[in-house]
């Protein structure tokens, strides 16, 4: 298994993606050993072909799960950022509305003063 990649923390959105990629790469190695001509008798005795296929399938499913979790984390972060942005725009719109009303009131008082 390739462990040279920097690992992200478990709570970081990239953590799930990194673990998922690692699991997928390991599954590819397991699958590659299924058809290997260099399989020894000890390897065959340790685990049957169907057990190795099941291990590879489990690793791939775990990788898919991690990728889906990563996507969910990203969607949640984007939704939170969008909610904050919407709140800021709402506050800005309210401020502009108050400023417009104040400017209209000021224009009315100037018109009355000129008369």
PDB file of N, CA and C in Angstrom:
ATOM      1  N   UNK A   1       0.854  -1.168   0.000  1.00  0.00           N
ATOM      2  CA  UNK A   1       0.000   0.000   0.000  1.00  0.00           C
ATOM      3  C   UNK A   1       0.897   1.227   0.000  1.00  0.00           C
ATOM      4  N   UNK A   2       0.536   2.232  -0.792  1.00  0.00           N
ATOM      5  CA  UNK A   2       1.312   3.465  -0.896  1.00  0.00           C
ATOM      6  C   UNK A   2       0.959   4.373   0.271  1.00  0.00           C
ATOM      7  N   UNK A   3       1.935   4.624   1.143  1.00  0.00           N
ATOM      8  CA  UNK A   3       1.692   5.497   2.291  1.00  0.00           C
ATOM      9  C   UNK A   3       2.480   6.786   2.181  1.00  0.00           C
ATOM     10  N   UNK A   4       2.960   7.106   0.996  1.00  0.00           N
ATOM     11  CA  UNK A   4       3.770   8.305   0.827  1.00  0.00           C
ATOM     12  C   UNK A   4       2.943   9.577   0.749  1.00  0.00           C
ATOM     13  N   UNK A   5       1.649   9.460   0.508  1.00  0.00           N
ATOM     14  CA  UNK A   5       0.788  10.639   0.417  1.00  0.00           C
ATOM     15  C   UNK A   5       0.542  11.210   1.798  1.00  0.00           C
ATOM     16  N   UNK A   6       0.526  12.538   1.921  1.00  0.00           N
ATOM     17  CA  UNK A   6       0.210  13.120   3.228  1.00  0.00           C
ATOM     18  C   UNK A   6      -1.238  12.828   3.568  1.00  0.00           C
ATOM     19  N   UNK A   7      -1.454  12.417   4.809  1.00  0.00           N
ATOM     20  CA  UNK A   7      -2.822  12.085   5.195  1.00  0.00           C
ATOM     21  C   UNK A   7      -3.470  13.286   5.867  1.00  0.00           C
ATOM     22  N   UNK A   8      -4.707  13.537   5.506  1.00  0.00           N
ATOM     23  CA  UNK A   8      -5.468  14.624   6.124  1.00  0.00           C
ATOM     24  C   UNK A   8      -6.106  14.082   7.392  1.00  0.00           C
ATOM     25  N   UNK A   9      -6.468  14.962   8.298  1.00  0.00           N
ATOM     26  CA  UNK A   9      -7.106  14.556   9.535  1.00  0.00           C
ATOM     27  C   UNK A   9      -8.482  13.970   9.278  1.00  0.00           C
ATOM     28  N   UNK A  10      -8.949  13.186  10.233  1.00  0.00           N
ATOM     29  CA  UNK A  10     -10.239  12.521  10.071  1.00  0.00           C
ATOM     30  C   UNK A  10     -11.393  13.508   9.975  1.00  0.00           C
ATOM     31  N   UNK A  11     -11.235  14.689  10.600  1.00  0.00           N
ATOM     32  CA  UNK A  11     -12.313  15.675  10.591  1.00  0.00           C
ATOM     33  C   UNK A  11     -12.261  16.610   9.388  1.00  0.00           C
ATOM     34  N   UNK A  12     -11.201  16.511   8.594  1.00  0.00           N
ATOM     35  CA  UNK A  12     -11.065  17.377   7.434  1.00  0.00           C
ATOM     36  C   UNK A  12     -11.789  16.759   6.241  1.00  0.00           C
ATOM     37  N   UNK A  13     -12.399  17.601   5.392  1.00  0.00           N
ATOM     38  CA  UNK A  13     -13.100  17.052   4.228  1.00  0.00           C
ATOM     39  C   UNK A  13     -12.199  16.208   3.331  1.00  0.00           C
ATOM     40  N   UNK A  14     -10.928  16.570   3.204  1.00  0.00           N
ATOM     41  CA  UNK A  14     -10.028  15.802   2.349  1.00  0.00           C
ATOM     42  C   UNK A  14      -9.626  14.480   2.982  1.00  0.00           C
ATOM     43  N   UNK A  15      -9.839  14.312   4.300  1.00  0.00           N
ATOM     44  CA  UNK A  15      -9.472  13.076   4.980  1.00  0.00           C
ATOM     45  C   UNK A  15     -10.197  11.874   4.412  1.00  0.00           C
ATOM     46  N   UNK A  16     -11.498  12.004   4.201  1.00  0.00           N
ATOM     47  CA  UNK A  16     -12.275  10.903   3.642  1.00  0.00           C
ATOM     48  C   UNK A  16     -11.823  10.579   2.231  1.00  0.00           C
ATOM     49  N   UNK A  17     -11.524  11.596   1.453  1.00  0.00           N
ATOM     50  CA  UNK A  17     -11.076  11.370   0.083  1.00  0.00           C
ATOM     51  C   UNK A  17      -9.730  10.647   0.075  1.00  0.00           C
ATOM     52  N   UNK A  18      -8.822  11.047   0.956  1.00  0.00           N
ATOM     53  CA  UNK A  18      -7.506  10.406   1.014  1.00  0.00           C
ATOM     54  C   UNK A  18      -7.624   8.947   1.439  1.00  0.00           C
ATOM     55  N   UNK A  19      -8.446   8.675   2.457  1.00  0.00           N
ATOM     56  CA  UNK A  19      -8.641   7.298   2.912  1.00  0.00           C
ATOM     57  C   UNK A  19      -9.314   6.475   1.816  1.00  0.00           C
ATOM     58  N   UNK A  20     -10.293   7.053   1.157  1.00  0.00           N
ATOM     59  CA  UNK A  20     -10.971   6.352   0.069  1.00  0.00           C
ATOM     60  C   UNK A  20     -10.016   6.010  -1.059  1.00  0.00           C
ATOM     61  N   UNK A  21      -9.147   6.940  -1.407  1.00  0.00           N
ATOM     62  CA  UNK A  21      -8.169   6.686  -2.469  1.00  0.00           C
ATOM     63  C   UNK A  21      -7.204   5.585  -2.053  1.00  0.00           C
ATOM     64  N   UNK A  22      -6.779   5.620  -0.793  1.00  0.00           N
ATOM     65  CA  UNK A  22      -5.870   4.590  -0.300  1.00  0.00           C
ATOM     66  C   UNK A  22      -6.540   3.209  -0.345  1.00  0.00           C
ATOM     67  N   UNK A  23      -7.797   3.141   0.083  1.00  0.00           N
ATOM     68  CA  UNK A  23      -8.527   1.866   0.051  1.00  0.00           C
ATOM     69  C   UNK A  23      -8.680   1.352  -1.377  1.00  0.00           C
ATOM     70  N   UNK A  24      -8.967   2.267  -2.298  1.00  0.00           N
ATOM     71  CA  UNK A  24      -9.124   1.877  -3.698  1.00  0.00           C
ATOM     72  C   UNK A  24      -7.811   1.340  -4.261  1.00  0.00           C
ATOM     73  N   UNK A  25      -6.716   2.024  -3.965  1.00  0.00           N
ATOM     74  CA  UNK A  25      -5.413   1.567  -4.453  1.00  0.00           C
ATOM     75  C   UNK A  25      -5.062   0.198  -3.865  1.00  0.00           C
ATOM     76  N   UNK A  26      -5.378   0.011  -2.595  1.00  0.00           N
ATOM     77  CA  UNK A  26      -5.116  -1.285  -1.964  1.00  0.00           C
ATOM     78  C   UNK A  26      -5.988  -2.368  -2.596  1.00  0.00           C
ATOM     79  N   UNK A  27      -7.240  -2.038  -2.901  1.00  0.00           N
ATOM     80  CA  UNK A  27      -8.125  -3.005  -3.564  1.00  0.00           C
ATOM     81  C   UNK A  27      -7.564  -3.400  -4.925  1.00  0.00           C
ATOM     82  N   UNK A  28      -7.014  -2.427  -5.649  1.00  0.00           N
ATOM     83  CA  UNK A  28      -6.402  -2.750  -6.949  1.00  0.00           C
ATOM     84  C   UNK A  28      -5.224  -3.705  -6.777  1.00  0.00           C
ATOM     85  N   UNK A  29      -4.456  -3.522  -5.707  1.00  0.00           N
ATOM     86  CA  UNK A  29      -3.344  -4.434  -5.445  1.00  0.00           C
ATOM     87  C   UNK A  29      -3.849  -5.838  -5.134  1.00  0.00           C
ATOM     88  N   UNK A  30      -4.926  -5.925  -4.333  1.00  0.00           N
ATOM     89  CA  UNK A  30      -5.502  -7.231  -4.007  1.00  0.00           C
ATOM     90  C   UNK A  30      -6.020  -7.909  -5.271  1.00  0.00           C
ATOM     91  N   UNK A  31      -6.715  -7.136  -6.102  1.00  0.00           N
ATOM     92  CA  UNK A  31      -7.242  -7.690  -7.352  1.00  0.00           C
ATOM     93  C   UNK A  31      -6.093  -8.125  -8.259  1.00  0.00           C
ATOM     94  N   UNK A  32      -5.028  -7.351  -8.295  1.00  0.00           N
ATOM     95  CA  UNK A  32      -3.876  -7.695  -9.115  1.00  0.00           C
ATOM     96  C   UNK A  32      -3.244  -9.006  -8.683  1.00  0.00           C
ATOM     97  N   UNK A  33      -3.279  -9.286  -7.382  1.00  0.00           N
ATOM     98  CA  UNK A  33      -2.706 -10.543  -6.888  1.00  0.00           C
ATOM     99  C   UNK A  33      -3.598 -11.734  -7.197  1.00  0.00           C
ATOM    100  N   UNK A  34      -4.869 -11.492  -7.526  1.00  0.00           N
ATOM    101  CA  UNK A  34      -5.764 -12.617  -7.831  1.00  0.00           C
ATOM    102  C   UNK A  34      -5.298 -13.384  -9.061  1.00  0.00           C
ATOM    103  N   UNK A  35      -4.830 -12.664 -10.047  1.00  0.00           N
ATOM    104  CA  UNK A  35      -4.421 -13.284 -11.303  1.00  0.00           C
ATOM    105  C   UNK A  35      -2.909 -13.435 -11.412  1.00  0.00           C
ATOM    106  N   UNK A  36      -2.218 -13.177 -10.322  1.00  0.00           N
ATOM    107  CA  UNK A  36      -0.766 -13.239 -10.355  1.00  0.00           C
ATOM    108  C   UNK A  36      -0.294 -14.681 -10.505  1.00  0.00           C
ATOM    109  N   UNK A  37       0.667 -14.864 -11.372  1.00  0.00           N
ATOM    110  CA  UNK A  37       1.241 -16.198 -11.558  1.00  0.00           C
ATOM    111  C   UNK A  37       2.277 -16.486 -10.487  1.00  0.00           C
ATOM    112  N   UNK A  38       2.641 -15.489  -9.713  1.00  0.00           N
ATOM    113  CA  UNK A  38       3.663 -15.656  -8.685  1.00  0.00           C
ATOM    114  C   UNK A  38       3.051 -15.973  -7.326  1.00  0.00           C
ATOM    115  N   UNK A  39       1.793 -16.359  -7.300  1.00  0.00           N
ATOM    116  CA  UNK A  39       1.134 -16.704  -6.055  1.00  0.00           C
ATOM    117  C   UNK A  39       1.732 -18.001  -5.531  1.00  0.00           C
ATOM    118  N   UNK A  40       2.131 -17.972  -4.286  1.00  0.00           N
ATOM    119  CA  UNK A  40       2.751 -19.158  -3.695  1.00  0.00           C
ATOM    120  C   UNK A  40       1.686 -20.067  -3.095  1.00  0.00           C
ATOM    121  N   UNK A  41       2.090 -21.287  -2.781  1.00  0.00           N
ATOM    122  CA  UNK A  41       1.171 -22.241  -2.153  1.00  0.00           C
ATOM    123  C   UNK A  41       0.718 -21.740  -0.789  1.00  0.00           C
ATOM    124  N   UNK A  42       1.626 -21.063  -0.087  1.00  0.00           N
ATOM    125  CA  UNK A  42       1.268 -20.520   1.232  1.00  0.00           C
ATOM    126  C   UNK A  42       0.199 -19.436   1.090  1.00  0.00           C
ATOM    127  N   UNK A  43       0.325 -18.602   0.022  1.00  0.00           N
ATOM    128  CA  UNK A  43      -0.690 -17.575  -0.226  1.00  0.00           C
ATOM    129  C   UNK A  43      -2.043 -18.210  -0.508  1.00  0.00           C
ATOM    130  N   UNK A  44      -2.029 -19.269  -1.322  1.00  0.00           N
ATOM    131  CA  UNK A  44      -3.289 -19.939  -1.670  1.00  0.00           C
ATOM    132  C   UNK A  44      -3.909 -20.614  -0.451  1.00  0.00           C
ATOM    133  N   UNK A  45      -3.080 -21.165   0.416  1.00  0.00           N
ATOM    134  CA  UNK A  45      -3.600 -21.838   1.605  1.00  0.00           C
ATOM    135  C   UNK A  45      -4.142 -20.835   2.610  1.00  0.00           C
ATOM    136  N   UNK A  46      -3.554 -19.656   2.639  1.00  0.00           N
ATOM    137  CA  UNK A  46      -3.978 -18.645   3.605  1.00  0.00           C
ATOM    138  C   UNK A  46      -5.363 -18.101   3.302  1.00  0.00           C
ATOM    139  N   UNK A  47      -5.678 -17.953   2.019  1.00  0.00           N
ATOM    140  CA  UNK A  47      -6.950 -17.338   1.641  1.00  0.00           C
ATOM    141  C   UNK A  47      -7.375 -17.877   0.281  1.00  0.00           C
ATOM    142  N   UNK A  48      -8.638 -18.238   0.172  1.00  0.00           N
ATOM    143  CA  UNK A  48      -9.138 -18.732  -1.116  1.00  0.00           C
ATOM    144  C   UNK A  48      -9.343 -17.551  -2.057  1.00  0.00           C
ATOM    145  N   UNK A  49      -9.504 -17.870  -3.329  1.00  0.00           N
ATOM    146  CA  UNK A  49      -9.723 -16.825  -4.325  1.00  0.00           C
ATOM    147  C   UNK A  49     -10.990 -16.034  -4.008  1.00  0.00           C
ATOM    148  N   UNK A  50     -12.053 -16.725  -3.618  1.00  0.00           N
ATOM    149  CA  UNK A  50     -13.311 -16.017  -3.321  1.00  0.00           C
ATOM    150  C   UNK A  50     -13.158 -15.114  -2.095  1.00  0.00           C
ATOM    151  N   UNK A  51     -12.334 -15.525  -1.129  1.00  0.00           N
ATOM    152  CA  UNK A  51     -12.092 -14.656   0.026  1.00  0.00           C
ATOM    153  C   UNK A  51     -11.328 -13.403  -0.391  1.00  0.00           C
ATOM    154  N   UNK A  52     -10.359 -13.563  -1.297  1.00  0.00           N
ATOM    155  CA  UNK A  52      -9.612 -12.395  -1.773  1.00  0.00           C
ATOM    156  C   UNK A  52     -10.506 -11.470  -2.587  1.00  0.00           C
ATOM    157  N   UNK A  53     -11.416 -12.057  -3.401  1.00  0.00           N
ATOM    158  CA  UNK A  53     -12.370 -11.234  -4.156  1.00  0.00           C
ATOM    159  C   UNK A  53     -13.272 -10.475  -3.184  1.00  0.00           C
ATOM    160  N   UNK A  54     -13.720 -11.164  -2.135  1.00  0.00           N
ATOM    161  CA  UNK A  54     -14.575 -10.513  -1.136  1.00  0.00           C
ATOM    162  C   UNK A  54     -13.818  -9.382  -0.447  1.00  0.00           C
ATOM    163  N   UNK A  55     -12.542  -9.605  -0.125  1.00  0.00           N
ATOM    164  CA  UNK A  55     -11.733  -8.540   0.483  1.00  0.00           C
ATOM    165  C   UNK A  55     -11.627  -7.341  -0.447  1.00  0.00           C
ATOM    166  N   UNK A  56     -11.376  -7.590  -1.717  1.00  0.00           N
ATOM    167  CA  UNK A  56     -11.259  -6.500  -2.690  1.00  0.00           C
ATOM    168  C   UNK A  56     -12.586  -5.761  -2.818  1.00  0.00           C
ATOM    169  N   UNK A  57     -13.694  -6.502  -2.851  1.00  0.00           N
ATOM    170  CA  UNK A  57     -15.007  -5.859  -2.948  1.00  0.00           C
ATOM    171  C   UNK A  57     -15.275  -4.992  -1.725  1.00  0.00           C
ATOM    172  N   UNK A  58     -14.911  -5.497  -0.552  1.00  0.00           N
ATOM    173  CA  UNK A  58     -15.106  -4.727   0.670  1.00  0.00           C
ATOM    174  C   UNK A  58     -14.289  -3.443   0.638  1.00  0.00           C
ATOM    175  N   UNK A  59     -13.050  -3.534   0.185  1.00  0.00           N
ATOM    176  CA  UNK A  59     -12.203  -2.344   0.104  1.00  0.00           C
ATOM    177  C   UNK A  59     -12.780  -1.320  -0.868  1.00  0.00           C
ATOM    178  N   UNK A  60     -13.286  -1.790  -2.005  1.00  0.00           N
ATOM    179  CA  UNK A  60     -13.877  -0.875  -2.985  1.00  0.00           C
ATOM    180  C   UNK A  60     -15.134  -0.221  -2.415  1.00  0.00           C
ATOM    181  N   UNK A  61     -15.960  -0.986  -1.723  1.00  0.00           N
ATOM    182  CA  UNK A  61     -17.162  -0.410  -1.109  1.00  0.00           C
ATOM    183  C   UNK A  61     -16.803   0.621  -0.040  1.00  0.00           C
ATOM    184  N   UNK A  62     -15.758   0.341   0.736  1.00  0.00           N
ATOM    185  CA  UNK A  62     -15.323   1.319   1.727  1.00  0.00           C
ATOM    186  C   UNK A  62     -14.801   2.582   1.045  1.00  0.00           C
ATOM    187  N   UNK A  63     -14.107   2.407  -0.071  1.00  0.00           N
ATOM    188  CA  UNK A  63     -13.619   3.574  -0.815  1.00  0.00           C
ATOM    189  C   UNK A  63     -14.782   4.403  -1.347  1.00  0.00           C
ATOM    190  N   UNK A  64     -15.811   3.736  -1.861  1.00  0.00           N
ATOM    191  CA  UNK A  64     -17.000   4.440  -2.367  1.00  0.00           C
ATOM    192  C   UNK A  64     -17.680   5.195  -1.221  1.00  0.00           C
ATOM    193  N   UNK A  65     -17.803   4.531  -0.070  1.00  0.00           N
ATOM    194  CA  UNK A  65     -18.413   5.167   1.093  1.00  0.00           C
ATOM    195  C   UNK A  65     -17.650   6.435   1.480  1.00  0.00           C
ATOM    196  N   UNK A  66     -16.321   6.350   1.519  1.00  0.00           N
ATOM    197  CA  UNK A  66     -15.507   7.510   1.883  1.00  0.00           C
ATOM    198  C   UNK A  66     -15.676   8.637   0.865  1.00  0.00           C
ATOM    199  N   UNK A  67     -15.745   8.292  -0.414  1.00  0.00           N
ATOM    200  CA  UNK A  67     -15.920   9.310  -1.446  1.00  0.00           C
ATOM    201  C   UNK A  67     -17.284   9.986  -1.296  1.00  0.00           C
ATOM    202  N   UNK A  68     -18.319   9.211  -1.009  1.00  0.00           N
ATOM    203  CA  UNK A  68     -19.646   9.784  -0.802  1.00  0.00           C
ATOM    204  C   UNK A  68     -19.663  10.683   0.436  1.00  0.00           C
ATOM    205  N   UNK A  69     -18.992  10.246   1.485  1.00  0.00           N
ATOM    206  CA  UNK A  69     -18.922  11.058   2.694  1.00  0.00           C
ATOM    207  C   UNK A  69     -18.184  12.359   2.430  1.00  0.00           C
ATOM    208  N   UNK A  70     -17.134  12.277   1.637  1.00  0.00           N
ATOM    209  CA  UNK A  70     -16.384  13.483   1.254  1.00  0.00           C
ATOM    210  C   UNK A  70     -17.306  14.446   0.508  1.00  0.00           C
ATOM    211  N   UNK A  71     -18.078  13.929  -0.438  1.00  0.00           N
ATOM    212  CA  UNK A  71     -19.016  14.772  -1.185  1.00  0.00           C
ATOM    213  C   UNK A  71     -20.058  15.393  -0.283  1.00  0.00           C
ATOM    214  N   UNK A  72     -20.544  14.620   0.681  1.00  0.00           N
ATOM    215  CA  UNK A  72     -21.533  15.142   1.629  1.00  0.00           C
ATOM    216  C   UNK A  72     -20.925  16.254   2.462  1.00  0.00           C
ATOM    217  N   UNK A  73     -19.697  16.072   2.922  1.00  0.00           N
ATOM    218  CA  UNK A  73     -19.028  17.108   3.712  1.00  0.00           C
ATOM    219  C   UNK A  73     -18.841  18.386   2.901  1.00  0.00           C
ATOM    220  N   UNK A  74     -18.467  18.236   1.635  1.00  0.00           N
ATOM    221  CA  UNK A  74     -18.299  19.415   0.780  1.00  0.00           C
ATOM    222  C   UNK A  74     -19.632  20.123   0.559  1.00  0.00           C
ATOM    223  N   UNK A  75     -20.686  19.356   0.315  1.00  0.00           N
ATOM    224  CA  UNK A  75     -22.005  19.956   0.109  1.00  0.00           C
ATOM    225  C   UNK A  75     -22.465  20.693   1.368  1.00  0.00           C
ATOM    226  N   UNK A  76     -22.218  20.113   2.531  1.00  0.00           N
ATOM    227  CA  UNK A  76     -22.600  20.774   3.788  1.00  0.00           C
ATOM    228  C   UNK A  76     -21.821  22.069   3.986  1.00  0.00           C
ATOM    229  N   UNK A  77     -20.544  22.047   3.666  1.00  0.00           N
ATOM    230  CA  UNK A  77     -19.727  23.261   3.804  1.00  0.00           C
ATOM    231  C   UNK A  77     -20.193  24.339   2.833  1.00  0.00           C
ATOM    232  N   UNK A  78     -20.523  23.953   1.610  1.00  0.00           N
ATOM    233  CA  UNK A  78     -20.999  24.930   0.622  1.00  0.00           C
ATOM    234  C   UNK A  78     -22.361  25.476   1.010  1.00  0.00           C
ATOM    235  N   UNK A  79     -23.229  24.638   1.554  1.00  0.00           N
ATOM    236  CA  UNK A  79     -24.545  25.086   2.002  1.00  0.00           C
ATOM    237  C   UNK A  79     -24.406  26.083   3.149  1.00  0.00           C
ATOM    238  N   UNK A  80     -23.500  25.812   4.069  1.00  0.00           N
ATOM    239  CA  UNK A  80     -23.263  26.728   5.187  1.00  0.00           C
ATOM    240  C   UNK A  80     -22.730  28.066   4.687  1.00  0.00           C
ATOM    241  N   UNK A  81     -21.783  28.022   3.763  1.00  0.00           N
ATOM    242  CA  UNK A  81     -21.232  29.263   3.206  1.00  0.00           C
ATOM    243  C   UNK A  81     -22.305  30.046   2.457  1.00  0.00           C
ATOM    244  N   UNK A  82     -23.165  29.350   1.733  1.00  0.00           N
ATOM    245  CA  UNK A  82     -24.241  30.009   1.004  1.00  0.00           C
ATOM    246  C   UNK A  82     -25.236  30.662   1.967  1.00  0.00           C
ATOM    247  N   UNK A  83     -25.528  29.999   3.078  1.00  0.00           N
ATOM    248  CA  UNK A  83     -26.445  30.573   4.075  1.00  0.00           C
ATOM    249  C   UNK A  83     -25.853  31.855   4.676  1.00  0.00           C
ATOM    250  N   UNK A  84     -24.548  31.829   4.962  1.00  0.00           N
ATOM    251  CA  UNK A  84     -23.892  33.034   5.501  1.00  0.00           C
ATOM    252  C   UNK A  84     -23.902  34.160   4.467  1.00  0.00           C
ATOM    253  N   UNK A  85     -23.657  33.811   3.219  1.00  0.00           N
ATOM    254  CA  UNK A  85     -23.656  34.810   2.151  1.00  0.00           C
ATOM    255  C   UNK A  85     -25.052  35.407   1.970  1.00  0.00           C
ATOM    256  N   UNK A  86     -26.070  34.568   2.023  1.00  0.00           N
ATOM    257  CA  UNK A  86     -27.452  35.029   1.892  1.00  0.00           C
ATOM    258  C   UNK A  86     -27.805  35.972   3.034  1.00  0.00           C
ATOM    259  N   UNK A  87     -27.365  35.636   4.238  1.00  0.00           N
ATOM    260  CA  UNK A  87     -27.627  36.503   5.396  1.00  0.00           C
ATOM    261  C   UNK A  87     -26.949  37.858   5.224  1.00  0.00           C
ATOM    262  N   UNK A  88     -25.717  37.844   4.734  1.00  0.00           N
ATOM    263  CA  UNK A  88     -24.996  39.106   4.506  1.00  0.00           C
ATOM    264  C   UNK A  88     -25.692  39.944   3.441  1.00  0.00           C
ATOM    265  N   UNK A  89     -26.158  39.308   2.376  1.00  0.00           N
ATOM    266  CA  UNK A  89     -26.862  40.045   1.321  1.00  0.00           C
ATOM    267  C   UNK A  89     -28.195  40.602   1.827  1.00  0.00           C
ATOM    268  N   UNK A  90     -28.877  39.854   2.670  1.00  0.00           N
ATOM    269  CA  UNK A  90     -30.134  40.327   3.254  1.00  0.00           C
ATOM    270  C   UNK A  90     -29.883  41.549   4.128  1.00  0.00           C
ATOM    271  N   UNK A  91     -28.831  41.475   4.953  1.00  0.00           N
ATOM    272  CA  UNK A  91     -28.478  42.637   5.790  1.00  0.00           C
ATOM    273  C   UNK A  91     -28.136  43.848   4.917  1.00  0.00           C
ATOM    274  N   UNK A  92     -27.396  43.623   3.856  1.00  0.00           N
ATOM    275  CA  UNK A  92     -27.030  44.717   2.951  1.00  0.00           C
ATOM    276  C   UNK A  92     -28.275  45.319   2.300  1.00  0.00           C
ATOM    277  N   UNK A  93     -29.189  44.467   1.848  1.00  0.00           N
ATOM    278  CA  UNK A  93     -30.423  44.957   1.222  1.00  0.00           C
ATOM    279  C   UNK A  93     -31.248  45.774   2.214  1.00  0.00           C
ATOM    280  N   UNK A  94     -31.332  45.323   3.466  1.00  0.00           N
ATOM    281  CA  UNK A  94     -32.061  46.068   4.498  1.00  0.00           C
ATOM    282  C   UNK A  94     -31.420  47.432   4.748  1.00  0.00           C
ATOM    283  N   UNK A  95     -30.096  47.450   4.797  1.00  0.00           N
ATOM    284  CA  UNK A  95     -29.380  48.710   5.004  1.00  0.00           C
ATOM    285  C   UNK A  95     -29.624  49.666   3.833  1.00  0.00           C
ATOM    286  N   UNK A  96     -29.586  49.144   2.622  1.00  0.00           N
ATOM    287  CA  UNK A  96     -29.833  49.983   1.442  1.00  0.00           C
ATOM    288  C   UNK A  96     -31.260  50.522   1.453  1.00  0.00           C
ATOM    289  N   UNK A  97     -32.200  49.713   1.890  1.00  0.00           N
ATOM    290  CA  UNK A  97     -33.595  50.155   1.966  1.00  0.00           C
ATOM    291  C   UNK A  97     -33.739  51.288   2.985  1.00  0.00           C
ATOM    292  N   UNK A  98     -33.095  51.134   4.142  1.00  0.00           N
ATOM    293  CA  UNK A  98     -33.140  52.207   5.153  1.00  0.00           C
ATOM    294  C   UNK A  98     -32.462  53.469   4.631  1.00  0.00           C
ATOM    295  N   UNK A  99     -31.356  53.315   3.929  1.00  0.00           N
ATOM    296  CA  UNK A  99     -30.651  54.473   3.375  1.00  0.00           C
ATOM    297  C   UNK A  99     -31.507  55.166   2.323  1.00  0.00           C
ATOM    298  N   UNK A 100     -32.202  54.392   1.499  1.00  0.00           N
ATOM    299  CA  UNK A 100     -33.073  54.970   0.470  1.00  0.00           C
ATOM    300  C   UNK A 100     -34.196  55.763   1.119  1.00  0.00           C
ATOM    301  N   UNK A 101     -34.775  55.215   2.165  1.00  0.00           N
ATOM    302  CA  UNK A 101     -35.851  55.935   2.865  1.00  0.00           C
ATOM    303  C   UNK A 101     -35.326  57.219   3.488  1.00  0.00           C
ATOM    304  N   UNK A 102     -34.131  57.136   4.075  1.00  0.00           N
ATOM    305  CA  UNK A 102     -33.535  58.340   4.686  1.00  0.00           C
ATOM    306  C   UNK A 102     -33.233  59.400   3.637  1.00  0.00           C
ATOM    307  N   UNK A 103     -32.756  58.968   2.449  1.00  0.00           N
ATOM    308  CA  UNK A 103     -32.447  59.924   1.389  1.00  0.00           C
ATOM    309  C   UNK A 103     -33.718  60.574   0.849  1.00  0.00           C
ATOM    310  N   UNK A 104     -34.799  59.788   0.727  1.00  0.00           N
ATOM    311  CA  UNK A 104     -36.074  60.362   0.279  1.00  0.00           C
ATOM    312  C   UNK A 104     -36.590  61.379   1.296  1.00  0.00           C
ATOM    313  N   UNK A 105     -36.454  61.037   2.575  1.00  0.00           N
ATOM    314  CA  UNK A 105     -36.872  61.964   3.621  1.00  0.00           C
ATOM    315  C   UNK A 105     -36.050  63.246   3.586  1.00  0.00           C
ATOM    316  N   UNK A 106     -34.776  63.115   3.352  1.00  0.00           N
ATOM    317  CA  UNK A 106     -33.894  64.276   3.268  1.00  0.00           C
ATOM    318  C   UNK A 106     -34.241  65.127   2.043  1.00  0.00           C
ATOM    319  N   UNK A 107     -34.517  64.466   0.910  1.00  0.00           N
ATOM    320  CA  UNK A 107     -34.895  65.204  -0.306  1.00  0.00           C
ATOM    321  C   UNK A 107     -36.201  65.958  -0.079  1.00  0.00           C
ATOM    322  N   UNK A 108     -37.157  65.343   0.607  1.00  0.00           N
ATOM    323  CA  UNK A 108     -38.423  66.018   0.905  1.00  0.00           C
ATOM    324  C   UNK A 108     -38.194  67.243   1.796  1.00  0.00           C
ATOM    325  N   UNK A 109     -37.335  67.103   2.780  1.00  0.00           N
ATOM    326  CA  UNK A 109     -37.093  68.246   3.669  1.00  0.00           C
ATOM    327  C   UNK A 109     -36.372  69.369   2.924  1.00  0.00           C
ATOM    328  N   UNK A 110     -35.483  69.027   1.980  1.00  0.00           N
ATOM    329  CA  UNK A 110     -34.818  70.063   1.176  1.00  0.00           C
ATOM    330  C   UNK A 110     -35.820  70.781   0.287  1.00  0.00           C
ATOM    331  N   UNK A 111     -36.733  70.012  -0.305  1.00  0.00           N
ATOM    332  CA  UNK A 111     -37.764  70.626  -1.149  1.00  0.00           C
ATOM    333  C   UNK A 111     -38.630  71.577  -0.321  1.00  0.00           C
ATOM    334  N   UNK A 112     -39.013  71.207   0.871  1.00  0.00           N
ATOM    335  CA  UNK A 112     -39.832  72.068   1.729  1.00  0.00           C
ATOM    336  C   UNK A 112     -39.065  73.304   2.159  1.00  0.00           C
ATOM    337  N   UNK A 113     -37.772  73.131   2.392  1.00  0.00           N
ATOM    338  CA  UNK A 113     -36.940  74.246   2.838  1.00  0.00           C
ATOM    339  C   UNK A 113     -36.778  75.292   1.719  1.00  0.00           C
ATOM    340  N   UNK A 114     -36.702  74.825   0.470  1.00  0.00           N
ATOM    341  CA  UNK A 114     -36.529  75.733  -0.669  1.00  0.00           C
ATOM    342  C   UNK A 114     -37.805  76.511  -0.946  1.00  0.00           C
ATOM    343  N   UNK A 115     -38.933  76.026  -0.581  1.00  0.00           N
ATOM    344  CA  UNK A 115     -40.191  76.703  -0.897  1.00  0.00           C
ATOM    345  C   UNK A 115     -40.458  77.824   0.009  1.00  0.00           C
TER     346      UNK A 115
END
